[in-house]
């Protein structure tokens, strides 16, 4: 067992691998543009916003569930899983708040425009 001070390096490496796996799962696949053609599919802003909010809610509920299971003594849930899920939920919420702030600023800019 490799240790640095009181820290087990194998656990750190396992956590880094978990973070890399999560990052690989959350990458967005870009749609390639073929010979200058653009995708003609319409995207409804309301549906995209609702889906994003639902995903943030799902992430937060997952983090809460893992935390509850850990505190109740479930051996199948590790502390690192709980911490990673909590950080994912925190980052998702922060991103949502930033998007909301940008939307409100854009709305205010549009409303203050003179016609």
PDB file of N, CA and C in Angstrom:
ATOM      1  N   UNK A   1       0.842  -1.168   0.000  1.00  0.00           N
ATOM      2  CA  UNK A   1       0.000   0.000   0.000  1.00  0.00           C
ATOM      3  C   UNK A   1       0.888   1.233   0.000  1.00  0.00           C
ATOM      4  N   UNK A   2       0.704   2.104  -0.995  1.00  0.00           N
ATOM      5  CA  UNK A   2       1.449   3.353  -1.071  1.00  0.00           C
ATOM      6  C   UNK A   2       0.731   4.408  -0.248  1.00  0.00           C
ATOM      7  N   UNK A   3       1.474   5.051   0.640  1.00  0.00           N
ATOM      8  CA  UNK A   3       0.868   6.107   1.430  1.00  0.00           C
ATOM      9  C   UNK A   3       1.751   7.334   1.407  1.00  0.00           C
ATOM     10  N   UNK A   4       1.114   8.469   1.401  1.00  0.00           N
ATOM     11  CA  UNK A   4       1.800   9.746   1.518  1.00  0.00           C
ATOM     12  C   UNK A   4       1.296  10.329   2.830  1.00  0.00           C
ATOM     13  N   UNK A   5       2.157  10.363   3.834  1.00  0.00           N
ATOM     14  CA  UNK A   5       1.685  10.797   5.151  1.00  0.00           C
ATOM     15  C   UNK A   5       0.678   9.780   5.645  1.00  0.00           C
ATOM     16  N   UNK A   6      -0.543  10.180   5.802  1.00  0.00           N
ATOM     17  CA  UNK A   6      -1.623   9.292   6.243  1.00  0.00           C
ATOM     18  C   UNK A   6      -2.616   9.014   5.119  1.00  0.00           C
ATOM     19  N   UNK A   7      -2.306   9.431   3.874  1.00  0.00           N
ATOM     20  CA  UNK A   7      -3.225   9.289   2.757  1.00  0.00           C
ATOM     21  C   UNK A   7      -2.825   8.090   1.916  1.00  0.00           C
ATOM     22  N   UNK A   8      -3.783   7.231   1.610  1.00  0.00           N
ATOM     23  CA  UNK A   8      -3.560   6.065   0.767  1.00  0.00           C
ATOM     24  C   UNK A   8      -3.670   6.502  -0.697  1.00  0.00           C
ATOM     25  N   UNK A   9      -2.574   6.414  -1.449  1.00  0.00           N
ATOM     26  CA  UNK A   9      -2.565   6.894  -2.828  1.00  0.00           C
ATOM     27  C   UNK A   9      -3.448   6.049  -3.745  1.00  0.00           C
ATOM     28  N   UNK A  10      -3.684   4.811  -3.416  1.00  0.00           N
ATOM     29  CA  UNK A  10      -4.544   3.987  -4.264  1.00  0.00           C
ATOM     30  C   UNK A  10      -5.982   4.500  -4.227  1.00  0.00           C
ATOM     31  N   UNK A  11      -6.420   5.020  -3.082  1.00  0.00           N
ATOM     32  CA  UNK A  11      -7.768   5.590  -2.997  1.00  0.00           C
ATOM     33  C   UNK A  11      -7.859   6.877  -3.806  1.00  0.00           C
ATOM     34  N   UNK A  12      -6.804   7.661  -3.779  1.00  0.00           N
ATOM     35  CA  UNK A  12      -6.786   8.896  -4.558  1.00  0.00           C
ATOM     36  C   UNK A  12      -6.843   8.563  -6.044  1.00  0.00           C
ATOM     37  N   UNK A  13      -6.070   7.563  -6.464  1.00  0.00           N
ATOM     38  CA  UNK A  13      -6.073   7.165  -7.866  1.00  0.00           C
ATOM     39  C   UNK A  13      -7.443   6.640  -8.278  1.00  0.00           C
ATOM     40  N   UNK A  14      -8.108   5.909  -7.389  1.00  0.00           N
ATOM     41  CA  UNK A  14      -9.443   5.404  -7.693  1.00  0.00           C
ATOM     42  C   UNK A  14     -10.437   6.557  -7.853  1.00  0.00           C
ATOM     43  N   UNK A  15     -10.320   7.569  -6.998  1.00  0.00           N
ATOM     44  CA  UNK A  15     -11.212   8.726  -7.102  1.00  0.00           C
ATOM     45  C   UNK A  15     -10.951   9.498  -8.388  1.00  0.00           C
ATOM     46  N   UNK A  16      -9.680   9.633  -8.787  1.00  0.00           N
ATOM     47  CA  UNK A  16      -9.348  10.321 -10.034  1.00  0.00           C
ATOM     48  C   UNK A  16      -9.944   9.555 -11.212  1.00  0.00           C
ATOM     49  N   UNK A  17      -9.863   8.241 -11.185  1.00  0.00           N
ATOM     50  CA  UNK A  17     -10.453   7.435 -12.254  1.00  0.00           C
ATOM     51  C   UNK A  17     -11.966   7.616 -12.312  1.00  0.00           C
ATOM     52  N   UNK A  18     -12.620   7.696 -11.143  1.00  0.00           N
ATOM     53  CA  UNK A  18     -14.065   7.924 -11.111  1.00  0.00           C
ATOM     54  C   UNK A  18     -14.406   9.280 -11.709  1.00  0.00           C
ATOM     55  N   UNK A  19     -13.630  10.306 -11.368  1.00  0.00           N
ATOM     56  CA  UNK A  19     -13.874  11.635 -11.914  1.00  0.00           C
ATOM     57  C   UNK A  19     -13.691  11.649 -13.430  1.00  0.00           C
ATOM     58  N   UNK A  20     -12.667  10.952 -13.919  1.00  0.00           N
ATOM     59  CA  UNK A  20     -12.452  10.882 -15.360  1.00  0.00           C
ATOM     60  C   UNK A  20     -13.604  10.158 -16.049  1.00  0.00           C
ATOM     61  N   UNK A  21     -14.112   9.100 -15.424  1.00  0.00           N
ATOM     62  CA  UNK A  21     -15.231   8.358 -16.008  1.00  0.00           C
ATOM     63  C   UNK A  21     -16.481   9.228 -16.069  1.00  0.00           C
ATOM     64  N   UNK A  22     -16.738   9.989 -15.007  1.00  0.00           N
ATOM     65  CA  UNK A  22     -17.902  10.881 -14.992  1.00  0.00           C
ATOM     66  C   UNK A  22     -17.748  11.968 -16.043  1.00  0.00           C
ATOM     67  N   UNK A  23     -16.550  12.515 -16.168  1.00  0.00           N
ATOM     68  CA  UNK A  23     -16.303  13.557 -17.166  1.00  0.00           C
ATOM     69  C   UNK A  23     -16.518  13.012 -18.570  1.00  0.00           C
ATOM     70  N   UNK A  24     -16.102  11.784 -18.809  1.00  0.00           N
ATOM     71  CA  UNK A  24     -16.274  11.181 -20.132  1.00  0.00           C
ATOM     72  C   UNK A  24     -17.750  10.955 -20.441  1.00  0.00           C
ATOM     73  N   UNK A  25     -18.544  10.637 -19.422  1.00  0.00           N
ATOM     74  CA  UNK A  25     -19.970  10.404 -19.625  1.00  0.00           C
ATOM     75  C   UNK A  25     -20.719  11.692 -19.917  1.00  0.00           C
ATOM     76  N   UNK A  26     -20.248  12.825 -19.381  1.00  0.00           N
ATOM     77  CA  UNK A  26     -20.987  14.071 -19.523  1.00  0.00           C
ATOM     78  C   UNK A  26     -20.569  14.895 -20.728  1.00  0.00           C
ATOM     79  N   UNK A  27     -19.603  14.412 -21.520  1.00  0.00           N
ATOM     80  CA  UNK A  27     -19.205  15.144 -22.711  1.00  0.00           C
ATOM     81  C   UNK A  27     -20.363  15.177 -23.700  1.00  0.00           C
ATOM     82  N   UNK A  28     -20.540  16.324 -24.320  1.00  0.00           N
ATOM     83  CA  UNK A  28     -21.611  16.496 -25.298  1.00  0.00           C
ATOM     84  C   UNK A  28     -21.060  16.177 -26.677  1.00  0.00           C
ATOM     85  N   UNK A  29     -21.761  15.323 -27.385  1.00  0.00           N
ATOM     86  CA  UNK A  29     -21.346  14.978 -28.743  1.00  0.00           C
ATOM     87  C   UNK A  29     -21.829  16.061 -29.692  1.00  0.00           C
ATOM     88  N   UNK A  30     -20.907  16.666 -30.396  1.00  0.00           N
ATOM     89  CA  UNK A  30     -21.259  17.713 -31.346  1.00  0.00           C
ATOM     90  C   UNK A  30     -21.740  17.080 -32.643  1.00  0.00           C
ATOM     91  N   UNK A  31     -22.760  17.691 -33.244  1.00  0.00           N
ATOM     92  CA  UNK A  31     -23.270  17.216 -34.511  1.00  0.00           C
ATOM     93  C   UNK A  31     -22.392  17.775 -35.614  1.00  0.00           C
ATOM     94  N   UNK A  32     -21.787  16.922 -36.431  1.00  0.00           N
ATOM     95  CA  UNK A  32     -20.904  17.431 -37.476  1.00  0.00           C
ATOM     96  C   UNK A  32     -21.696  18.112 -38.596  1.00  0.00           C
ATOM     97  N   UNK A  33     -21.121  19.148 -39.162  1.00  0.00           N
ATOM     98  CA  UNK A  33     -21.718  19.826 -40.301  1.00  0.00           C
ATOM     99  C   UNK A  33     -21.103  19.224 -41.553  1.00  0.00           C
ATOM    100  N   UNK A  34     -21.961  18.741 -42.442  1.00  0.00           N
ATOM    101  CA  UNK A  34     -21.492  18.047 -43.637  1.00  0.00           C
ATOM    102  C   UNK A  34     -21.565  18.994 -44.833  1.00  0.00           C
ATOM    103  N   UNK A  35     -20.441  19.261 -45.455  1.00  0.00           N
ATOM    104  CA  UNK A  35     -20.332  20.056 -46.680  1.00  0.00           C
ATOM    105  C   UNK A  35     -21.059  21.391 -46.551  1.00  0.00           C
ATOM    106  N   UNK A  36     -20.913  22.073 -45.416  1.00  0.00           N
ATOM    107  CA  UNK A  36     -21.488  23.395 -45.233  1.00  0.00           C
ATOM    108  C   UNK A  36     -22.973  23.400 -44.910  1.00  0.00           C
ATOM    109  N   UNK A  37     -23.596  22.233 -44.825  1.00  0.00           N
ATOM    110  CA  UNK A  37     -25.016  22.177 -44.503  1.00  0.00           C
ATOM    111  C   UNK A  37     -25.192  22.384 -43.004  1.00  0.00           C
ATOM    112  N   UNK A  38     -26.264  23.068 -42.646  1.00  0.00           N
ATOM    113  CA  UNK A  38     -26.570  23.278 -41.243  1.00  0.00           C
ATOM    114  C   UNK A  38     -27.805  22.471 -40.891  1.00  0.00           C
ATOM    115  N   UNK A  39     -27.870  22.038 -39.639  1.00  0.00           N
ATOM    116  CA  UNK A  39     -29.026  21.276 -39.181  1.00  0.00           C
ATOM    117  C   UNK A  39     -30.248  22.175 -39.214  1.00  0.00           C
ATOM    118  N   UNK A  40     -31.355  21.667 -39.746  1.00  0.00           N
ATOM    119  CA  UNK A  40     -32.572  22.448 -39.896  1.00  0.00           C
ATOM    120  C   UNK A  40     -33.580  22.160 -38.794  1.00  0.00           C
ATOM    121  N   UNK A  41     -33.174  21.398 -37.795  1.00  0.00           N
ATOM    122  CA  UNK A  41     -34.109  21.035 -36.730  1.00  0.00           C
ATOM    123  C   UNK A  41     -34.363  22.246 -35.832  1.00  0.00           C
ATOM    124  N   UNK A  42     -35.639  22.464 -35.510  1.00  0.00           N
ATOM    125  CA  UNK A  42     -36.006  23.558 -34.614  1.00  0.00           C
ATOM    126  C   UNK A  42     -35.886  23.067 -33.184  1.00  0.00           C
ATOM    127  N   UNK A  43     -35.419  23.960 -32.331  1.00  0.00           N
ATOM    128  CA  UNK A  43     -35.275  23.634 -30.920  1.00  0.00           C
ATOM    129  C   UNK A  43     -36.152  24.601 -30.144  1.00  0.00           C
ATOM    130  N   UNK A  44     -37.047  24.066 -29.332  1.00  0.00           N
ATOM    131  CA  UNK A  44     -37.919  24.891 -28.509  1.00  0.00           C
ATOM    132  C   UNK A  44     -37.176  25.253 -27.227  1.00  0.00           C
ATOM    133  N   UNK A  45     -36.970  26.553 -27.013  1.00  0.00           N
ATOM    134  CA  UNK A  45     -36.207  27.023 -25.865  1.00  0.00           C
ATOM    135  C   UNK A  45     -36.842  26.573 -24.558  1.00  0.00           C
ATOM    136  N   UNK A  46     -38.154  26.624 -24.461  1.00  0.00           N
ATOM    137  CA  UNK A  46     -38.851  26.219 -23.236  1.00  0.00           C
ATOM    138  C   UNK A  46     -38.603  24.762 -22.895  1.00  0.00           C
ATOM    139  N   UNK A  47     -38.631  23.904 -23.917  1.00  0.00           N
ATOM    140  CA  UNK A  47     -38.395  22.474 -23.679  1.00  0.00           C
ATOM    141  C   UNK A  47     -36.954  22.207 -23.250  1.00  0.00           C
ATOM    142  N   UNK A  48     -36.017  22.919 -23.868  1.00  0.00           N
ATOM    143  CA  UNK A  48     -34.606  22.746 -23.511  1.00  0.00           C
ATOM    144  C   UNK A  48     -34.370  23.217 -22.072  1.00  0.00           C
ATOM    145  N   UNK A  49     -34.958  24.354 -21.712  1.00  0.00           N
ATOM    146  CA  UNK A  49     -34.801  24.881 -20.362  1.00  0.00           C
ATOM    147  C   UNK A  49     -35.408  23.934 -19.330  1.00  0.00           C
ATOM    148  N   UNK A  50     -36.608  23.414 -19.626  1.00  0.00           N
ATOM    149  CA  UNK A  50     -37.260  22.480 -18.696  1.00  0.00           C
ATOM    150  C   UNK A  50     -36.449  21.201 -18.546  1.00  0.00           C
ATOM    151  N   UNK A  51     -35.921  20.685 -19.649  1.00  0.00           N
ATOM    152  CA  UNK A  51     -35.113  19.466 -19.584  1.00  0.00           C
ATOM    153  C   UNK A  51     -33.853  19.705 -18.756  1.00  0.00           C
ATOM    154  N   UNK A  52     -33.252  20.875 -18.897  1.00  0.00           N
ATOM    155  CA  UNK A  52     -32.056  21.192 -18.127  1.00  0.00           C
ATOM    156  C   UNK A  52     -32.367  21.287 -16.639  1.00  0.00           C
ATOM    157  N   UNK A  53     -33.462  21.934 -16.305  1.00  0.00           N
ATOM    158  CA  UNK A  53     -33.852  22.044 -14.899  1.00  0.00           C
ATOM    159  C   UNK A  53     -34.206  20.677 -14.307  1.00  0.00           C
ATOM    160  N   UNK A  54     -34.852  19.845 -15.106  1.00  0.00           N
ATOM    161  CA  UNK A  54     -35.165  18.489 -14.647  1.00  0.00           C
ATOM    162  C   UNK A  54     -33.887  17.691 -14.381  1.00  0.00           C
ATOM    163  N   UNK A  55     -32.877  17.872 -15.226  1.00  0.00           N
ATOM    164  CA  UNK A  55     -31.605  17.163 -15.044  1.00  0.00           C
ATOM    165  C   UNK A  55     -30.899  17.633 -13.772  1.00  0.00           C
ATOM    166  N   UNK A  56     -30.912  18.939 -13.512  1.00  0.00           N
ATOM    167  CA  UNK A  56     -30.311  19.470 -12.285  1.00  0.00           C
ATOM    168  C   UNK A  56     -31.043  18.905 -11.072  1.00  0.00           C
ATOM    169  N   UNK A  57     -32.358  18.863 -11.139  1.00  0.00           N
ATOM    170  CA  UNK A  57     -33.148  18.306 -10.040  1.00  0.00           C
ATOM    171  C   UNK A  57     -32.816  16.830  -9.816  1.00  0.00           C
ATOM    172  N   UNK A  58     -32.667  16.091 -10.895  1.00  0.00           N
ATOM    173  CA  UNK A  58     -32.320  14.661 -10.799  1.00  0.00           C
ATOM    174  C   UNK A  58     -30.953  14.470 -10.141  1.00  0.00           C
ATOM    175  N   UNK A  59     -29.990  15.308 -10.522  1.00  0.00           N
ATOM    176  CA  UNK A  59     -28.648  15.221  -9.946  1.00  0.00           C
ATOM    177  C   UNK A  59     -28.698  15.504  -8.445  1.00  0.00           C
ATOM    178  N   UNK A  60     -29.473  16.524  -8.055  1.00  0.00           N
ATOM    179  CA  UNK A  60     -29.575  16.865  -6.637  1.00  0.00           C
ATOM    180  C   UNK A  60     -30.280  15.766  -5.837  1.00  0.00           C
ATOM    181  N   UNK A  61     -31.327  15.187  -6.404  1.00  0.00           N
ATOM    182  CA  UNK A  61     -32.014  14.098  -5.710  1.00  0.00           C
ATOM    183  C   UNK A  61     -31.108  12.885  -5.558  1.00  0.00           C
ATOM    184  N   UNK A  62     -30.306  12.593  -6.579  1.00  0.00           N
ATOM    185  CA  UNK A  62     -29.359  11.484  -6.501  1.00  0.00           C
ATOM    186  C   UNK A  62     -28.345  11.722  -5.389  1.00  0.00           C
ATOM    187  N   UNK A  63     -27.833  12.951  -5.294  1.00  0.00           N
ATOM    188  CA  UNK A  63     -26.857  13.281  -4.249  1.00  0.00           C
ATOM    189  C   UNK A  63     -27.490  13.141  -2.863  1.00  0.00           C
ATOM    190  N   UNK A  64     -28.722  13.612  -2.720  1.00  0.00           N
ATOM    191  CA  UNK A  64     -29.414  13.484  -1.435  1.00  0.00           C
ATOM    192  C   UNK A  64     -29.655  12.024  -1.062  1.00  0.00           C
ATOM    193  N   UNK A  65     -30.039  11.223  -2.053  1.00  0.00           N
ATOM    194  CA  UNK A  65     -30.287   9.797  -1.804  1.00  0.00           C
ATOM    195  C   UNK A  65     -29.003   9.084  -1.372  1.00  0.00           C
ATOM    196  N   UNK A  66     -27.904   9.372  -2.068  1.00  0.00           N
ATOM    197  CA  UNK A  66     -26.627   8.758  -1.694  1.00  0.00           C
ATOM    198  C   UNK A  66     -26.210   9.188  -0.287  1.00  0.00           C
ATOM    199  N   UNK A  67     -26.400  10.459   0.037  1.00  0.00           N
ATOM    200  CA  UNK A  67     -26.069  10.950   1.377  1.00  0.00           C
ATOM    201  C   UNK A  67     -26.901  10.271   2.443  1.00  0.00           C
ATOM    202  N   UNK A  68     -28.198  10.103   2.176  1.00  0.00           N
ATOM    203  CA  UNK A  68     -29.075   9.426   3.141  1.00  0.00           C
ATOM    204  C   UNK A  68     -28.658   7.973   3.334  1.00  0.00           C
ATOM    205  N   UNK A  69     -28.362   7.306   2.216  1.00  0.00           N
ATOM    206  CA  UNK A  69     -27.952   5.903   2.320  1.00  0.00           C
ATOM    207  C   UNK A  69     -26.649   5.763   3.092  1.00  0.00           C
ATOM    208  N   UNK A  70     -25.704   6.691   2.870  1.00  0.00           N
ATOM    209  CA  UNK A  70     -24.424   6.640   3.573  1.00  0.00           C
ATOM    210  C   UNK A  70     -24.617   6.862   5.068  1.00  0.00           C
ATOM    211  N   UNK A  71     -25.449   7.849   5.420  1.00  0.00           N
ATOM    212  CA  UNK A  71     -25.654   8.139   6.842  1.00  0.00           C
ATOM    213  C   UNK A  71     -26.420   7.026   7.548  1.00  0.00           C
ATOM    214  N   UNK A  72     -27.197   6.265   6.808  1.00  0.00           N
ATOM    215  CA  UNK A  72     -27.922   5.143   7.410  1.00  0.00           C
ATOM    216  C   UNK A  72     -27.065   3.886   7.499  1.00  0.00           C
ATOM    217  N   UNK A  73     -25.825   3.977   7.011  1.00  0.00           N
ATOM    218  CA  UNK A  73     -24.899   2.857   7.167  1.00  0.00           C
ATOM    219  C   UNK A  73     -24.876   1.876   6.020  1.00  0.00           C
ATOM    220  N   UNK A  74     -25.365   2.262   4.854  1.00  0.00           N
ATOM    221  CA  UNK A  74     -25.335   1.376   3.692  1.00  0.00           C
ATOM    222  C   UNK A  74     -23.883   1.171   3.255  1.00  0.00           C
ATOM    223  N   UNK A  75     -23.404  -0.064   3.306  1.00  0.00           N
ATOM    224  CA  UNK A  75     -22.012  -0.360   2.972  1.00  0.00           C
ATOM    225  C   UNK A  75     -21.721  -0.281   1.474  1.00  0.00           C
ATOM    226  N   UNK A  76     -22.768  -0.261   0.629  1.00  0.00           N
ATOM    227  CA  UNK A  76     -22.539  -0.207  -0.812  1.00  0.00           C
ATOM    228  C   UNK A  76     -22.252   1.222  -1.294  1.00  0.00           C
ATOM    229  N   UNK A  77     -22.373   2.205  -0.399  1.00  0.00           N
ATOM    230  CA  UNK A  77     -22.115   3.607  -0.754  1.00  0.00           C
ATOM    231  C   UNK A  77     -20.874   4.078  -0.006  1.00  0.00           C
ATOM    232  N   UNK A  78     -19.889   4.568  -0.768  1.00  0.00           N
ATOM    233  CA  UNK A  78     -18.659   5.051  -0.136  1.00  0.00           C
ATOM    234  C   UNK A  78     -18.743   6.569   0.056  1.00  0.00           C
ATOM    235  N   UNK A  79     -17.908   7.057   0.937  1.00  0.00           N
ATOM    236  CA  UNK A  79     -17.865   8.492   1.198  1.00  0.00           C
ATOM    237  C   UNK A  79     -17.467   9.258  -0.061  1.00  0.00           C
ATOM    238  N   UNK A  80     -16.550   8.697  -0.835  1.00  0.00           N
ATOM    239  CA  UNK A  80     -16.119   9.385  -2.059  1.00  0.00           C
ATOM    240  C   UNK A  80     -17.279   9.526  -3.048  1.00  0.00           C
ATOM    241  N   UNK A  81     -18.132   8.511  -3.146  1.00  0.00           N
ATOM    242  CA  UNK A  81     -19.300   8.605  -4.026  1.00  0.00           C
ATOM    243  C   UNK A  81     -20.243   9.715  -3.564  1.00  0.00           C
ATOM    244  N   UNK A  82     -20.438   9.808  -2.261  1.00  0.00           N
ATOM    245  CA  UNK A  82     -21.316  10.835  -1.701  1.00  0.00           C
ATOM    246  C   UNK A  82     -20.733  12.221  -1.977  1.00  0.00           C
ATOM    247  N   UNK A  83     -19.434  12.370  -1.764  1.00  0.00           N
ATOM    248  CA  UNK A  83     -18.798  13.664  -1.983  1.00  0.00           C
ATOM    249  C   UNK A  83     -18.811  14.069  -3.455  1.00  0.00           C
ATOM    250  N   UNK A  84     -18.558  13.134  -4.343  1.00  0.00           N
ATOM    251  CA  UNK A  84     -18.575  13.427  -5.778  1.00  0.00           C
ATOM    252  C   UNK A  84     -19.984  13.815  -6.222  1.00  0.00           C
ATOM    253  N   UNK A  85     -20.985  13.071  -5.760  1.00  0.00           N
ATOM    254  CA  UNK A  85     -22.368  13.393  -6.118  1.00  0.00           C
ATOM    255  C   UNK A  85     -22.757  14.760  -5.579  1.00  0.00           C
ATOM    256  N   UNK A  86     -22.321  15.087  -4.379  1.00  0.00           N
ATOM    257  CA  UNK A  86     -22.612  16.400  -3.801  1.00  0.00           C
ATOM    258  C   UNK A  86     -21.963  17.524  -4.594  1.00  0.00           C
ATOM    259  N   UNK A  87     -20.728  17.309  -5.028  1.00  0.00           N
ATOM    260  CA  UNK A  87     -20.044  18.332  -5.826  1.00  0.00           C
ATOM    261  C   UNK A  87     -20.690  18.488  -7.204  1.00  0.00           C
ATOM    262  N   UNK A  88     -21.110  17.376  -7.813  1.00  0.00           N
ATOM    263  CA  UNK A  88     -21.807  17.461  -9.092  1.00  0.00           C
ATOM    264  C   UNK A  88     -23.088  18.264  -8.947  1.00  0.00           C
ATOM    265  N   UNK A  89     -23.831  18.013  -7.860  1.00  0.00           N
ATOM    266  CA  UNK A  89     -25.073  18.746  -7.622  1.00  0.00           C
ATOM    267  C   UNK A  89     -24.789  20.228  -7.402  1.00  0.00           C
ATOM    268  N   UNK A  90     -23.745  20.538  -6.667  1.00  0.00           N
ATOM    269  CA  UNK A  90     -23.380  21.925  -6.410  1.00  0.00           C
ATOM    270  C   UNK A  90     -22.989  22.642  -7.701  1.00  0.00           C
ATOM    271  N   UNK A  91     -22.191  21.998  -8.530  1.00  0.00           N
ATOM    272  CA  UNK A  91     -21.763  22.601  -9.797  1.00  0.00           C
ATOM    273  C   UNK A  91     -22.964  22.800 -10.726  1.00  0.00           C
ATOM    274  N   UNK A  92     -23.848  21.814 -10.779  1.00  0.00           N
ATOM    275  CA  UNK A  92     -25.039  21.938 -11.626  1.00  0.00           C
ATOM    276  C   UNK A  92     -25.909  23.104 -11.172  1.00  0.00           C
ATOM    277  N   UNK A  93     -26.068  23.260  -9.861  1.00  0.00           N
ATOM    278  CA  UNK A  93     -26.876  24.363  -9.340  1.00  0.00           C
ATOM    279  C   UNK A  93     -26.213  25.704  -9.625  1.00  0.00           C
ATOM    280  N   UNK A  94     -24.903  25.798  -9.442  1.00  0.00           N
ATOM    281  CA  UNK A  94     -24.194  27.045  -9.732  1.00  0.00           C
ATOM    282  C   UNK A  94     -24.314  27.419 -11.209  1.00  0.00           C
ATOM    283  N   UNK A  95     -24.205  26.444 -12.086  1.00  0.00           N
ATOM    284  CA  UNK A  95     -24.338  26.709 -13.521  1.00  0.00           C
ATOM    285  C   UNK A  95     -25.745  27.193 -13.841  1.00  0.00           C
ATOM    286  N   UNK A  96     -26.745  26.593 -13.207  1.00  0.00           N
ATOM    287  CA  UNK A  96     -28.131  26.998 -13.422  1.00  0.00           C
ATOM    288  C   UNK A  96     -28.358  28.429 -12.967  1.00  0.00           C
ATOM    289  N   UNK A  97     -27.814  28.787 -11.815  1.00  0.00           N
ATOM    290  CA  UNK A  97     -27.955  30.152 -11.310  1.00  0.00           C
ATOM    291  C   UNK A  97     -27.272  31.135 -12.256  1.00  0.00           C
ATOM    292  N   UNK A  98     -26.113  30.781 -12.789  1.00  0.00           N
ATOM    293  CA  UNK A  98     -25.420  31.672 -13.721  1.00  0.00           C
ATOM    294  C   UNK A  98     -26.212  31.859 -15.009  1.00  0.00           C
ATOM    295  N   UNK A  99     -26.815  30.790 -15.511  1.00  0.00           N
ATOM    296  CA  UNK A  99     -27.640  30.888 -16.714  1.00  0.00           C
ATOM    297  C   UNK A  99     -28.850  31.768 -16.439  1.00  0.00           C
ATOM    298  N   UNK A 100     -29.475  31.588 -15.286  1.00  0.00           N
ATOM    299  CA  UNK A 100     -30.624  32.419 -14.925  1.00  0.00           C
ATOM    300  C   UNK A 100     -30.236  33.888 -14.860  1.00  0.00           C
ATOM    301  N   UNK A 101     -29.092  34.171 -14.270  1.00  0.00           N
ATOM    302  CA  UNK A 101     -28.617  35.551 -14.164  1.00  0.00           C
ATOM    303  C   UNK A 101     -28.390  36.150 -15.550  1.00  0.00           C
ATOM    304  N   UNK A 102     -27.799  35.378 -16.457  1.00  0.00           N
ATOM    305  CA  UNK A 102     -27.569  35.858 -17.822  1.00  0.00           C
ATOM    306  C   UNK A 102     -28.893  36.082 -18.554  1.00  0.00           C
ATOM    307  N   UNK A 103     -29.860  35.200 -18.352  1.00  0.00           N
ATOM    308  CA  UNK A 103     -31.165  35.362 -18.993  1.00  0.00           C
ATOM    309  C   UNK A 103     -31.874  36.615 -18.489  1.00  0.00           C
ATOM    310  N   UNK A 104     -31.823  36.851 -17.191  1.00  0.00           N
ATOM    311  CA  UNK A 104     -32.459  38.046 -16.623  1.00  0.00           C
ATOM    312  C   UNK A 104     -31.777  39.300 -17.155  1.00  0.00           C
ATOM    313  N   UNK A 105     -30.459  39.292 -17.244  1.00  0.00           N
ATOM    314  CA  UNK A 105     -29.729  40.440 -17.775  1.00  0.00           C
ATOM    315  C   UNK A 105     -30.097  40.682 -19.240  1.00  0.00           C
ATOM    316  N   UNK A 106     -30.187  39.614 -20.025  1.00  0.00           N
ATOM    317  CA  UNK A 106     -30.565  39.752 -21.436  1.00  0.00           C
ATOM    318  C   UNK A 106     -31.991  40.282 -21.555  1.00  0.00           C
ATOM    319  N   UNK A 107     -32.906  39.798 -20.732  1.00  0.00           N
ATOM    320  CA  UNK A 107     -34.291  40.273 -20.742  1.00  0.00           C
ATOM    321  C   UNK A 107     -34.337  41.756 -20.406  1.00  0.00           C
ATOM    322  N   UNK A 108     -33.588  42.165 -19.383  1.00  0.00           N
ATOM    323  CA  UNK A 108     -33.565  43.578 -19.005  1.00  0.00           C
ATOM    324  C   UNK A 108     -32.983  44.442 -20.129  1.00  0.00           C
ATOM    325  N   UNK A 109     -31.949  43.952 -20.799  1.00  0.00           N
ATOM    326  CA  UNK A 109     -31.377  44.697 -21.927  1.00  0.00           C
ATOM    327  C   UNK A 109     -32.399  44.866 -23.043  1.00  0.00           C
ATOM    328  N   UNK A 110     -33.133  43.815 -23.348  1.00  0.00           N
ATOM    329  CA  UNK A 110     -34.136  43.893 -24.402  1.00  0.00           C
ATOM    330  C   UNK A 110     -35.267  44.841 -24.009  1.00  0.00           C
ATOM    331  N   UNK A 111     -35.688  44.781 -22.759  1.00  0.00           N
ATOM    332  CA  UNK A 111     -36.786  45.644 -22.313  1.00  0.00           C
ATOM    333  C   UNK A 111     -36.372  47.119 -22.272  1.00  0.00           C
ATOM    334  N   UNK A 112     -35.091  47.398 -22.096  1.00  0.00           N
ATOM    335  CA  UNK A 112     -34.623  48.781 -22.041  1.00  0.00           C
ATOM    336  C   UNK A 112     -34.275  49.354 -23.417  1.00  0.00           C
ATOM    337  N   UNK A 113     -34.380  48.549 -24.455  1.00  0.00           N
ATOM    338  CA  UNK A 113     -34.114  49.042 -25.813  1.00  0.00           C
ATOM    339  C   UNK A 113     -35.222  49.978 -26.257  1.00  0.00           C
ATOM    340  N   UNK A 114     -34.811  51.009 -26.984  1.00  0.00           N
ATOM    341  CA  UNK A 114     -35.804  51.924 -27.544  1.00  0.00           C
ATOM    342  C   UNK A 114     -36.215  51.423 -28.913  1.00  0.00           C
ATOM    343  N   UNK A 115     -37.489  51.556 -29.183  1.00  0.00           N
ATOM    344  CA  UNK A 115     -38.017  51.077 -30.469  1.00  0.00           C
ATOM    345  C   UNK A 115     -37.985  52.190 -31.483  1.00  0.00           C
TER     346      UNK A 115
END
